[in-house]
Protein backbone atom coordinates (compact mmCIF):
# COMPACT_ATOMS: atom_id res chain seq x y z
CA UNK A 1 149.67 188.69 130.49
CA UNK A 2 147.39 191.38 129.35
CA UNK A 3 145.25 193.65 131.56
CA UNK A 4 142.57 192.50 133.94
CA UNK A 5 139.10 192.47 132.81
CA UNK A 6 137.30 195.26 134.01
CA UNK A 7 134.53 194.15 136.43
CA UNK A 8 130.67 194.15 135.01
CA UNK A 9 128.52 196.47 136.64
CA UNK A 10 128.98 198.42 140.06
CA UNK A 11 130.29 196.90 143.20
CA UNK A 12 128.03 196.17 146.18
CA UNK A 13 128.45 196.02 149.56
CA UNK A 14 125.63 194.25 151.50
CA UNK A 15 125.92 195.13 155.52
CA UNK A 16 123.81 194.16 158.60
CA UNK A 17 124.09 193.49 162.56
CA UNK A 18 124.09 189.40 161.80
CA UNK A 19 119.68 189.63 162.98
CA UNK A 20 118.02 187.02 160.41
CA UNK A 21 115.34 189.83 159.65
CA UNK A 22 118.00 192.60 159.19
CA UNK A 23 119.75 190.13 156.82
CA UNK A 24 116.78 188.87 155.01
CA UNK A 25 115.99 192.70 154.24
CA UNK A 26 119.60 194.04 152.97
CA UNK A 27 119.58 190.26 150.66
CA UNK A 28 116.50 190.73 149.10
CA UNK A 29 117.43 194.39 147.82
CA UNK A 30 120.74 193.16 146.77
CA UNK A 31 119.30 190.14 145.01
CA UNK A 32 116.55 192.34 143.10
CA UNK A 33 119.20 194.81 141.97
CA UNK A 34 121.09 191.95 140.61
CA UNK A 35 118.03 190.98 138.47
CA UNK A 36 119.64 190.55 134.71
CA UNK A 37 117.57 193.25 133.24
CA UNK A 38 118.54 195.83 136.11
CA UNK A 39 122.16 194.94 136.00
CA UNK A 40 122.08 194.99 132.70
CA UNK A 41 121.37 198.56 132.41
CA UNK A 42 124.22 199.30 135.30
CA UNK A 43 126.64 197.00 133.33
CA UNK A 44 128.03 200.43 132.26
CA UNK A 45 129.64 200.95 135.99
CA UNK A 46 133.08 199.46 136.66
CA UNK A 47 133.11 198.45 140.44
CA UNK A 48 136.00 197.96 141.69
CA UNK A 49 135.31 196.96 145.37
CA UNK A 50 133.39 193.77 144.89
CA UNK A 51 132.58 191.46 147.98
CA UNK A 52 131.23 188.12 147.16
CA UNK A 53 130.38 187.76 150.92
CA UNK A 54 127.72 189.90 153.24
CA UNK A 55 129.67 191.96 156.00
CA UNK A 56 128.47 191.19 159.49
CA UNK A 57 129.40 194.19 161.55
CA UNK A 58 128.92 194.15 165.19
CA UNK A 59 129.74 197.22 166.88
CA UNK A 60 129.76 197.31 170.74
CA UNK A 61 128.47 199.09 173.67
CA UNK A 62 129.39 202.13 174.99
CA UNK A 63 128.93 203.09 171.36
CA UNK A 64 125.33 201.13 170.95
CA UNK A 65 124.21 203.38 173.97
CA UNK A 66 124.13 206.54 171.48
CA UNK A 67 122.35 207.41 168.08
CA UNK A 68 124.12 206.72 165.07
CA UNK A 69 125.28 210.51 164.88
CA UNK A 70 127.16 210.88 167.85
CA UNK A 71 129.68 207.84 167.70
CA UNK A 72 133.29 208.71 167.60
CA UNK A 73 135.79 207.04 166.40
CA UNK A 74 133.40 204.88 164.62
CA UNK A 75 135.81 202.11 163.74
CA UNK A 76 136.75 201.58 167.21
CA UNK A 77 133.20 200.55 168.37
CA UNK A 78 134.06 197.16 166.05
CA UNK A 79 136.04 194.38 167.22
CA UNK A 80 139.46 194.60 166.32
CA UNK A 81 139.21 191.80 163.38
CA UNK A 82 136.07 193.53 161.71
CA UNK A 83 137.75 197.58 161.50
CA UNK A 84 139.88 196.35 158.35
CA UNK A 85 136.95 195.54 157.09
CA UNK A 86 136.03 199.55 156.45
CA UNK A 87 138.46 200.23 154.11
CA UNK A 88 138.94 201.74 150.34
CA UNK A 89 138.60 201.05 147.73
CA UNK A 90 134.91 201.93 148.35
CA UNK A 91 131.69 200.34 146.58
CA UNK A 92 129.43 201.82 144.45
CA UNK A 93 126.36 200.99 146.34
CA UNK A 94 126.25 200.11 150.21
CA UNK A 95 123.14 198.70 151.52
CA UNK A 96 122.63 198.32 154.97
CA UNK A 97 119.86 197.51 157.65
CA UNK A 98 119.11 198.24 161.07
CA UNK A 99 119.89 201.13 163.78
CA UNK A 100 123.40 199.64 164.63
CA UNK A 101 124.59 199.73 161.03
CA UNK A 102 123.76 203.51 160.60
CA UNK A 103 127.02 204.60 161.58
CA UNK A 104 128.80 202.78 158.93
CA UNK A 105 126.82 203.68 156.55
CA UNK A 106 127.05 207.50 157.42
CA UNK A 107 130.75 206.73 157.88
CA UNK A 108 131.38 205.01 154.12
CA UNK A 109 129.46 207.91 152.59
CA UNK A 110 131.62 210.58 154.32
CA UNK A 111 135.09 208.91 153.39
CA UNK A 112 133.83 207.94 149.56
CA UNK A 113 133.56 211.74 149.54
CA UNK A 114 129.65 210.93 148.48
CA UNK A 115 130.69 208.64 145.50
CA UNK A 116 128.94 205.70 147.36
CA UNK A 117 125.67 205.39 146.88
CA UNK A 118 124.05 204.65 150.32
CA UNK A 119 120.57 202.61 151.17
CA UNK A 120 119.70 202.74 154.48
CA UNK A 121 117.04 199.97 155.62
CA UNK A 122 114.83 200.48 158.49
CA UNK A 123 114.48 203.25 160.64
CA UNK A 124 118.01 204.50 161.93
CA UNK A 125 116.61 207.23 164.19
CA UNK A 126 118.97 209.68 162.93
CA UNK A 127 118.46 212.07 160.03
CA UNK A 128 117.56 210.54 156.85
CA UNK A 129 120.12 213.54 155.25
CA UNK A 130 122.74 211.22 156.47
CA UNK A 131 121.97 209.24 153.41
CA UNK A 132 121.39 209.16 149.52
CA UNK A 133 118.24 206.89 150.68
CA UNK A 134 116.49 205.39 153.60
CA UNK A 135 113.93 203.03 153.20
CA UNK A 136 111.51 202.16 155.73
CA UNK A 137 108.23 200.35 156.52
CA UNK A 138 105.13 203.07 155.99
CA UNK A 139 104.17 202.62 159.48
CA UNK A 140 107.08 203.76 160.54
CA UNK A 141 105.76 207.17 159.70
CA UNK A 142 109.19 208.78 158.22
CA UNK A 143 109.03 211.15 155.31
CA UNK A 144 111.45 213.21 153.46
CA UNK A 145 112.68 213.44 149.66
CA UNK A 146 115.09 210.62 150.17
CA UNK A 147 112.92 208.31 152.16
CA UNK A 148 111.00 205.60 150.37
CA UNK A 149 108.04 204.29 152.16
CA UNK A 150 107.36 199.95 151.67
CA UNK A 151 104.38 198.29 152.88
CA UNK A 152 105.97 195.76 154.89
CA UNK A 153 109.05 194.54 154.15
CA UNK A 154 111.61 194.04 151.01
CA UNK A 155 110.98 190.65 149.55
CA UNK A 156 112.89 189.05 146.53
CA UNK A 157 112.76 185.72 145.00
CA UNK A 158 114.39 184.74 141.90
CA UNK A 159 112.85 183.08 139.00
CA UNK A 160 115.36 180.89 138.83
CA UNK A 161 115.14 180.13 142.85
CA UNK A 162 111.46 179.87 142.32
CA UNK A 163 112.04 177.33 139.44
CA UNK A 164 114.74 175.33 141.73
CA UNK A 165 112.87 175.24 144.25
CA UNK A 166 109.19 173.89 142.31
CA UNK A 167 111.66 171.11 141.15
CA UNK A 168 113.18 169.58 144.40
CA UNK A 169 109.82 170.08 146.37
CA UNK A 170 107.36 168.91 143.50
CA UNK A 171 106.09 166.12 145.72
CA UNK A 172 104.36 169.05 147.87
CA UNK A 173 102.35 169.81 145.02
CA UNK A 174 98.57 169.84 146.17
CA UNK A 175 96.09 169.92 143.58
CA UNK A 176 93.42 170.02 146.14
CA UNK A 177 93.70 173.56 146.61
CA UNK A 178 92.91 173.22 150.34
CA UNK A 179 96.83 173.45 151.74
CA UNK A 180 97.79 176.41 153.91
CA UNK A 181 100.85 177.44 155.25
CA UNK A 182 100.99 178.09 159.06
CA UNK A 183 104.02 180.59 159.74
CA UNK A 184 104.49 180.92 163.56
CA UNK A 185 106.80 183.59 165.05
CA UNK A 186 107.58 183.91 168.79
CA UNK A 187 108.20 186.04 171.46
CA UNK A 188 109.62 189.74 171.21
CA UNK A 189 109.92 193.08 172.76
CA UNK A 190 106.38 193.67 172.30
CA UNK A 191 104.54 190.28 171.62
CA UNK A 192 104.22 187.09 173.64
CA UNK A 193 103.56 183.92 172.39
CA UNK A 194 101.63 182.58 175.54
CA UNK A 195 100.11 179.34 175.92
CA UNK A 196 96.56 180.57 175.59
CA UNK A 197 97.26 182.13 172.03
CA UNK A 198 99.15 178.54 171.31
CA UNK A 199 95.61 176.78 172.31
CA UNK A 200 93.63 178.87 170.93
CA UNK A 201 95.06 178.73 167.55
CA UNK A 202 95.67 175.42 168.00
CA UNK A 203 92.00 174.70 168.26
CA UNK A 204 91.13 176.55 164.79
CA UNK A 205 93.61 174.48 163.40
CA UNK A 206 92.23 171.54 164.22
CA UNK A 207 88.76 172.83 163.12
CA UNK A 208 90.40 173.53 159.77
CA UNK A 209 91.57 169.99 159.33
CA UNK A 210 87.93 168.90 159.83
CA UNK A 211 87.01 170.96 156.79
CA UNK A 212 89.82 169.27 154.97
CA UNK A 213 92.36 171.47 155.08
CA UNK A 214 96.10 170.59 155.09
CA UNK A 215 98.54 172.11 157.28
CA UNK A 216 102.05 172.85 156.38
CA UNK A 217 103.43 174.19 159.44
CA UNK A 218 106.85 176.31 160.10
CA UNK A 219 108.29 177.46 163.09
CA UNK A 220 111.10 180.61 163.98
CA UNK A 221 113.79 180.87 165.94
CA UNK A 222 111.73 182.84 168.77
CA UNK A 223 109.11 179.90 168.94
CA UNK A 224 108.77 178.75 172.39
CA UNK A 225 110.39 175.10 172.68
CA UNK A 226 107.05 174.01 173.90
CA UNK A 227 104.79 175.61 171.60
CA UNK A 228 107.48 174.07 168.92
CA UNK A 229 106.62 170.71 170.42
CA UNK A 230 102.48 171.44 170.59
CA UNK A 231 102.48 172.60 166.98
CA UNK A 232 104.69 169.39 165.85
CA UNK A 233 102.14 166.96 167.87
CA UNK A 234 99.38 168.84 165.87
CA UNK A 235 100.65 168.64 162.53
CA UNK A 236 101.49 164.56 162.99
CA UNK A 237 98.02 164.03 164.56
CA UNK A 238 96.34 165.62 161.82
CA UNK A 239 98.18 164.29 158.66
CA UNK A 240 100.31 167.92 158.34
CA UNK A 241 103.56 168.52 157.76
CA UNK A 242 106.18 170.13 160.18
CA UNK A 243 109.52 172.03 159.94
CA UNK A 244 111.55 173.78 162.66
CA UNK A 245 114.96 173.51 161.89
CA UNK A 246 117.51 171.06 160.02
CA UNK A 247 116.42 167.90 161.94
CA UNK A 248 113.35 167.82 159.79
CA UNK A 249 114.94 167.72 156.82
CA UNK A 250 115.63 170.11 153.67
CA UNK A 251 113.80 173.66 154.36
CA UNK A 252 110.59 173.62 152.28
CA UNK A 253 109.75 177.12 153.95
CA UNK A 254 109.73 178.62 149.91
CA UNK A 255 108.03 175.41 148.66
CA UNK A 256 105.18 175.94 151.12
CA UNK A 257 104.30 179.42 150.19
CA UNK A 258 104.71 178.58 146.94
CA UNK A 259 102.48 175.42 146.97
CA UNK A 260 99.87 176.69 149.24
CA UNK A 261 96.27 178.53 148.66
CA UNK A 262 96.59 180.64 151.61
CA UNK A 263 98.80 181.59 155.02
CA UNK A 264 98.04 181.95 158.77
CA UNK A 265 100.85 184.19 160.24
CA UNK A 266 101.42 184.99 163.64
CA UNK A 267 101.53 189.07 163.83
CA UNK A 268 104.88 189.60 165.41
CA UNK A 269 106.70 189.95 162.52
CA UNK A 270 106.69 191.87 159.44
CA UNK A 271 109.15 189.77 157.34
CA UNK A 272 107.04 187.09 157.46
CA UNK A 273 103.96 188.69 156.76
CA UNK A 274 105.59 190.26 153.73
CA UNK A 275 106.76 187.09 152.57
CA UNK A 276 103.41 185.41 152.37
CA UNK A 277 102.35 188.60 150.93
CA UNK A 278 105.32 188.47 148.15
CA UNK A 279 103.68 185.30 146.67
CA UNK A 280 99.80 186.93 146.64
CA UNK A 281 98.62 184.39 149.41
CA UNK A 282 95.36 185.54 151.59
CA UNK A 283 97.34 186.20 154.37
CA UNK A 284 95.61 185.59 157.95
CA UNK A 285 97.09 187.83 160.59
CA UNK A 286 96.91 185.22 164.09
CA UNK A 287 96.97 187.52 167.42
CA UNK A 288 99.61 186.69 170.07
CA UNK A 289 99.61 188.23 173.73
CA UNK A 290 100.86 192.01 173.63
CA UNK A 291 100.39 194.93 170.81
CA UNK A 292 102.19 198.13 169.78
CA UNK A 293 100.96 201.11 167.59
CA UNK A 294 103.84 200.14 164.90
CA UNK A 295 102.79 196.58 164.37
CA UNK A 296 98.92 197.76 164.59
CA UNK A 297 100.08 200.05 161.82
CA UNK A 298 101.80 197.57 159.90
CA UNK A 299 98.78 195.28 160.24
CA UNK A 300 96.49 197.91 158.67
CA UNK A 301 99.14 198.67 155.99
CA UNK A 302 98.61 195.33 154.55
CA UNK A 303 94.72 194.83 155.05
CA UNK A 304 94.72 198.36 153.44
CA UNK A 305 96.48 197.15 150.25
CA UNK A 306 94.26 194.30 149.77
CA UNK A 307 96.68 191.52 151.52
CA UNK A 308 95.71 190.61 154.76
CA UNK A 309 92.72 190.08 157.27
CA UNK A 310 92.54 189.18 160.64
CA UNK A 311 92.36 185.05 161.31
CA UNK A 312 89.39 184.68 163.26
CA UNK A 313 89.29 180.75 162.74
CA UNK A 314 88.24 180.75 158.84
CA UNK A 315 90.32 180.93 155.56
CA UNK A 316 89.14 183.62 153.05
CA UNK A 317 90.22 183.43 149.35
CA UNK A 318 90.71 186.68 147.67
CA UNK A 319 93.09 187.60 144.70
CA UNK A 320 95.45 190.86 144.94
CA UNK A 321 98.47 192.04 143.32
CA UNK A 322 101.16 190.11 145.22
CA UNK A 323 103.54 192.65 146.91
CA UNK A 324 106.67 193.35 145.43
CA UNK A 325 108.33 195.85 147.37
CA UNK A 326 112.21 195.16 147.00
CA UNK A 327 111.40 195.41 143.15
CA UNK A 328 110.13 198.68 143.52
CA UNK A 329 113.04 200.04 145.37
CA UNK A 330 115.49 198.32 142.95
CA UNK A 331 113.96 200.05 140.17
CA UNK A 332 113.95 203.49 142.04
CA UNK A 333 117.53 202.57 142.88
CA UNK A 334 118.68 201.70 139.22
CA UNK A 335 117.13 204.93 138.30
CA UNK A 336 119.44 207.22 140.77
CA UNK A 337 122.41 205.47 139.79
CA UNK A 338 121.97 206.25 136.06
CA UNK A 339 121.82 209.83 137.42
CA UNK A 340 125.15 209.85 138.75
CA UNK A 341 126.43 207.68 135.96
CA UNK A 342 124.34 207.74 132.75
CA UNK A 343 124.75 204.95 130.39
CA UNK A 344 126.69 205.76 127.23
CA UNK A 345 125.29 206.30 123.88
CA UNK A 346 126.04 203.02 121.58
CA UNK A 347 126.10 204.00 117.96
CA UNK A 348 125.61 201.36 115.39
CA UNK A 349 125.71 200.75 111.56
CA UNK A 350 123.36 198.11 111.37
CA UNK A 351 120.24 199.26 109.33
CA UNK A 352 116.96 198.16 110.58
CA UNK A 353 115.19 195.73 107.78
CA UNK A 354 112.03 197.92 106.09
CA UNK A 355 109.89 195.37 107.85
CA UNK A 356 110.75 196.65 111.65
CA UNK A 357 109.27 200.39 110.17
């Protein structure tokens, strides 16, 4: 048997603590890096530690009580079954999100002798110098030579996924130009989806249906069950559509964003707001109860970018350049990797025809 064929391109480990918001941002950057045009620029890097599946690392107390740069015996913070996952050969690229993953990012960078290019997403609450690249939303207010700020969260959808979704959900296409995606979040540390907020939003949506708008409503895992029931009933009564889980069939979330002409998104999720802005939809931010300066800054950054406005009951129409932050960050990562791994120069004996001159 011949020698094994070397891997094409660098190896990537995508890491999170399993929280949906963190997983989606890591996935977005990994997929953006895998875009054919970018990947071919990195194809000369022969990765030796490919992982087909993302790593979910769940550190325990008391480690999680402390900042990531104060964890003794880092591997001991993990359940015993997860500890063997962090062993050489180390990857060329490590992408992790969330404060609880930061200690492992620092650990792998050190154990690899700095050979692994480490990317940490979201504020790790330790110095940025612990990573090769720190990717944070601009509303966090962090800066530094290796810090890249994004408007909202990194989002990426491949052309193949868009095409496949368009074919599968083609019957959802609406030629009336009066379809709105309504994306409901829920309770969090700073926001509460109260009955008062739900009642106000329901009345506003009813008024929109009277103007001819068709509702496509989806709820998240954090949406209170009584509010899920309330908006499911609203969709049924107004001829709209509703999705909150597998019991409602295949997930139409991406299709609704593709086929809608506007979006109404509750204010509590950077990821959901960024999803709508990735598609270039006019994003209307619906209020909940509670507030935090960090979210106020997020909303203002989306408004300043031209992607969003406050929802007051009417649907405005405007255009802007879709928010493609994952692509921007991926391009930066490629540039950094090429500094470490310059592409070889290929010499060819082929002579270009005169008409190309």
